[in-house]
Amino acid sequence: MKNQMIALALSCLVSTTVLASGGHDHGSHHQPLNGGVVTNVKGLDYELVAQKNSLQLYIRDHGESIDMSKAQAKVTLLSGADKQEVELKPNGKKLEAAGNFKVSAGTKAVAVVSNGSNKATARFVIK
């Protein structure tokens, strides 16, 4: 009888845990929405779209774009022995820079982002 009570209590605990965790897809908003690479810093998703002629940085909070009008970023691109630093400025719902950039698979990027009094550093590896 004692073993049956323990088994019943454990099954209730497990079923309650499964029910409590259902319906929460925590990873769905961490996907790239603009064809870039996503990393999460301090609860925000940073998506870097790196192309040979433009760099774009999108920042989302639980899937929703944040106000980028007062934001700025400095991105450092590391590709082999080459190092390139780029300033990104607001352009609608993203930070952006145009130019000639050395980006390819394996390029590392470090973005230091300021938005008002908030600062964050996001690290990426281009795929």
Protein backbone atom coordinates (compact mmCIF):
# COMPACT_ATOMS: atom_id res chain seq x y z
CA MET A 1 0.00 0.00 0.00
CA LYS A 2 2.83 2.36 0.85
CA ASN A 3 4.54 1.70 -2.51
CA GLN A 4 1.27 2.41 -4.33
CA MET A 5 0.93 5.77 -2.59
CA ILE A 6 4.49 6.72 -3.51
CA ALA A 7 3.90 5.70 -7.14
CA LEU A 8 0.65 7.72 -7.21
CA ALA A 9 2.35 10.78 -5.73
CA LEU A 10 5.21 10.56 -8.25
CA SER A 11 2.84 10.20 -11.20
CA CYS A 12 0.88 13.27 -10.05
CA LEU A 13 4.11 15.24 -9.71
CA VAL A 14 5.29 14.26 -13.19
CA SER A 15 1.93 14.99 -14.84
CA THR A 16 1.73 18.40 -13.11
CA THR A 17 5.23 19.25 -14.33
CA VAL A 18 4.35 18.26 -17.90
CA LEU A 19 1.15 20.34 -17.81
CA ALA A 20 2.93 23.36 -16.34
CA SER A 21 5.56 23.34 -19.07
CA GLY A 22 3.12 22.90 -21.95
CA GLY A 23 2.34 25.78 -24.29
CA HIS A 24 5.59 27.63 -23.70
CA ASP A 25 7.72 27.50 -26.83
CA HIS A 26 10.64 29.50 -25.44
CA GLY A 27 12.82 28.92 -28.49
CA SER A 28 10.50 30.00 -31.29
CA HIS A 29 11.33 33.71 -31.12
CA HIS A 30 15.10 33.06 -31.27
CA GLN A 31 14.94 32.26 -34.99
CA PRO A 32 16.36 34.57 -37.66
CA LEU A 33 13.58 36.59 -39.29
CA ASN A 34 15.77 38.46 -41.78
CA GLY A 35 18.19 35.78 -42.98
CA GLY A 36 20.92 36.54 -40.45
CA VAL A 37 22.52 34.98 -37.39
CA VAL A 38 20.78 35.32 -34.00
CA THR A 39 22.21 35.51 -30.51
CA ASN A 40 20.46 36.31 -27.24
CA VAL A 41 21.89 38.87 -24.82
CA LYS A 42 20.13 40.02 -21.64
CA GLY A 43 16.82 38.59 -22.86
CA LEU A 44 16.91 40.36 -26.25
CA ASP A 45 17.44 38.72 -29.65
CA TYR A 46 20.16 40.31 -31.78
CA GLU A 47 20.12 39.34 -35.45
CA LEU A 48 23.07 40.30 -37.63
CA VAL A 49 22.61 40.20 -41.39
CA ALA A 50 26.12 40.45 -42.84
CA GLN A 51 26.60 40.82 -46.57
CA LYS A 52 29.55 42.02 -48.63
CA ASN A 53 27.91 45.44 -49.20
CA SER A 54 25.81 45.95 -46.04
CA LEU A 55 25.55 45.11 -42.36
CA GLN A 56 22.19 45.17 -40.62
CA LEU A 57 21.45 44.58 -36.95
CA TYR A 58 17.91 43.89 -35.75
CA ILE A 59 17.02 43.75 -32.05
CA ARG A 60 13.84 42.08 -30.80
CA ASP A 61 12.26 41.62 -27.40
CA HIS A 62 10.14 38.43 -27.41
CA GLY A 63 9.73 38.67 -31.18
CA GLU A 64 8.80 42.37 -31.25
CA SER A 65 11.13 45.02 -32.70
CA ILE A 66 12.41 47.59 -30.25
CA ASP A 67 12.79 51.34 -30.89
CA MET A 68 16.10 51.84 -32.70
CA SER A 69 15.84 55.62 -33.23
CA LYS A 70 18.40 56.42 -30.50
CA ALA A 71 20.52 53.30 -30.88
CA GLN A 72 23.97 52.93 -32.35
CA ALA A 73 26.45 50.11 -32.66
CA LYS A 74 30.06 49.43 -33.44
CA VAL A 75 30.66 46.09 -35.13
CA THR A 76 34.08 44.50 -35.33
CA LEU A 77 34.46 41.90 -38.08
CA LEU A 78 37.23 39.31 -37.71
CA SER A 79 37.93 37.27 -40.84
CA GLY A 80 41.21 35.36 -40.68
CA ALA A 81 43.91 37.98 -40.06
CA ASP A 82 41.65 40.83 -41.25
CA LYS A 83 39.92 43.14 -38.79
CA GLN A 84 37.32 45.72 -39.79
CA GLU A 85 35.40 48.13 -37.56
CA VAL A 86 32.06 49.54 -38.70
CA GLU A 87 29.64 52.08 -37.18
CA LEU A 88 25.96 51.20 -37.57
CA LYS A 89 23.28 53.90 -37.53
CA PRO A 90 19.48 53.72 -37.15
CA ASN A 91 17.46 53.04 -40.30
CA GLY A 92 13.84 52.22 -39.49
CA LYS A 93 13.63 49.03 -37.38
CA LYS A 94 17.33 48.23 -37.69
CA LEU A 95 20.86 49.56 -37.39
CA GLU A 96 22.68 49.60 -40.70
CA ALA A 97 25.89 50.43 -42.54
CA ALA A 98 26.74 50.27 -46.23
CA GLY A 99 30.21 49.65 -47.65
CA ASN A 100 32.55 46.84 -48.57
CA PHE A 101 32.82 44.22 -45.85
CA LYS A 102 34.92 41.07 -45.66
CA VAL A 103 32.31 38.54 -44.58
CA SER A 104 32.22 34.84 -45.32
CA ALA A 105 31.38 31.64 -43.50
CA GLY A 106 33.32 31.57 -40.25
CA THR A 107 33.71 35.36 -39.95
CA LYS A 108 33.33 36.44 -36.33
CA ALA A 109 31.50 39.64 -35.45
CA VAL A 110 31.29 41.51 -32.16
CA ALA A 111 28.64 44.22 -31.87
CA VAL A 112 28.76 46.75 -29.04
CA VAL A 113 25.29 48.28 -28.97
CA SER A 114 24.11 51.41 -27.12
CA ASN A 115 20.44 52.31 -26.89
CA GLY A 116 19.97 55.19 -24.50
CA SER A 117 21.54 54.14 -21.19
CA ASN A 118 21.48 50.44 -22.10
CA LYS A 119 24.62 48.78 -23.46
CA ALA A 120 25.18 45.23 -24.61
CA THR A 121 27.80 43.20 -26.43
CA ALA A 122 26.61 40.57 -28.89
CA ARG A 123 28.88 37.98 -30.49
CA PHE A 124 28.18 36.22 -33.79
CA VAL A 125 29.76 33.66 -36.10
CA ILE A 126 28.63 34.08 -39.72
CA LYS A 127 27.35 30.88 -41.34
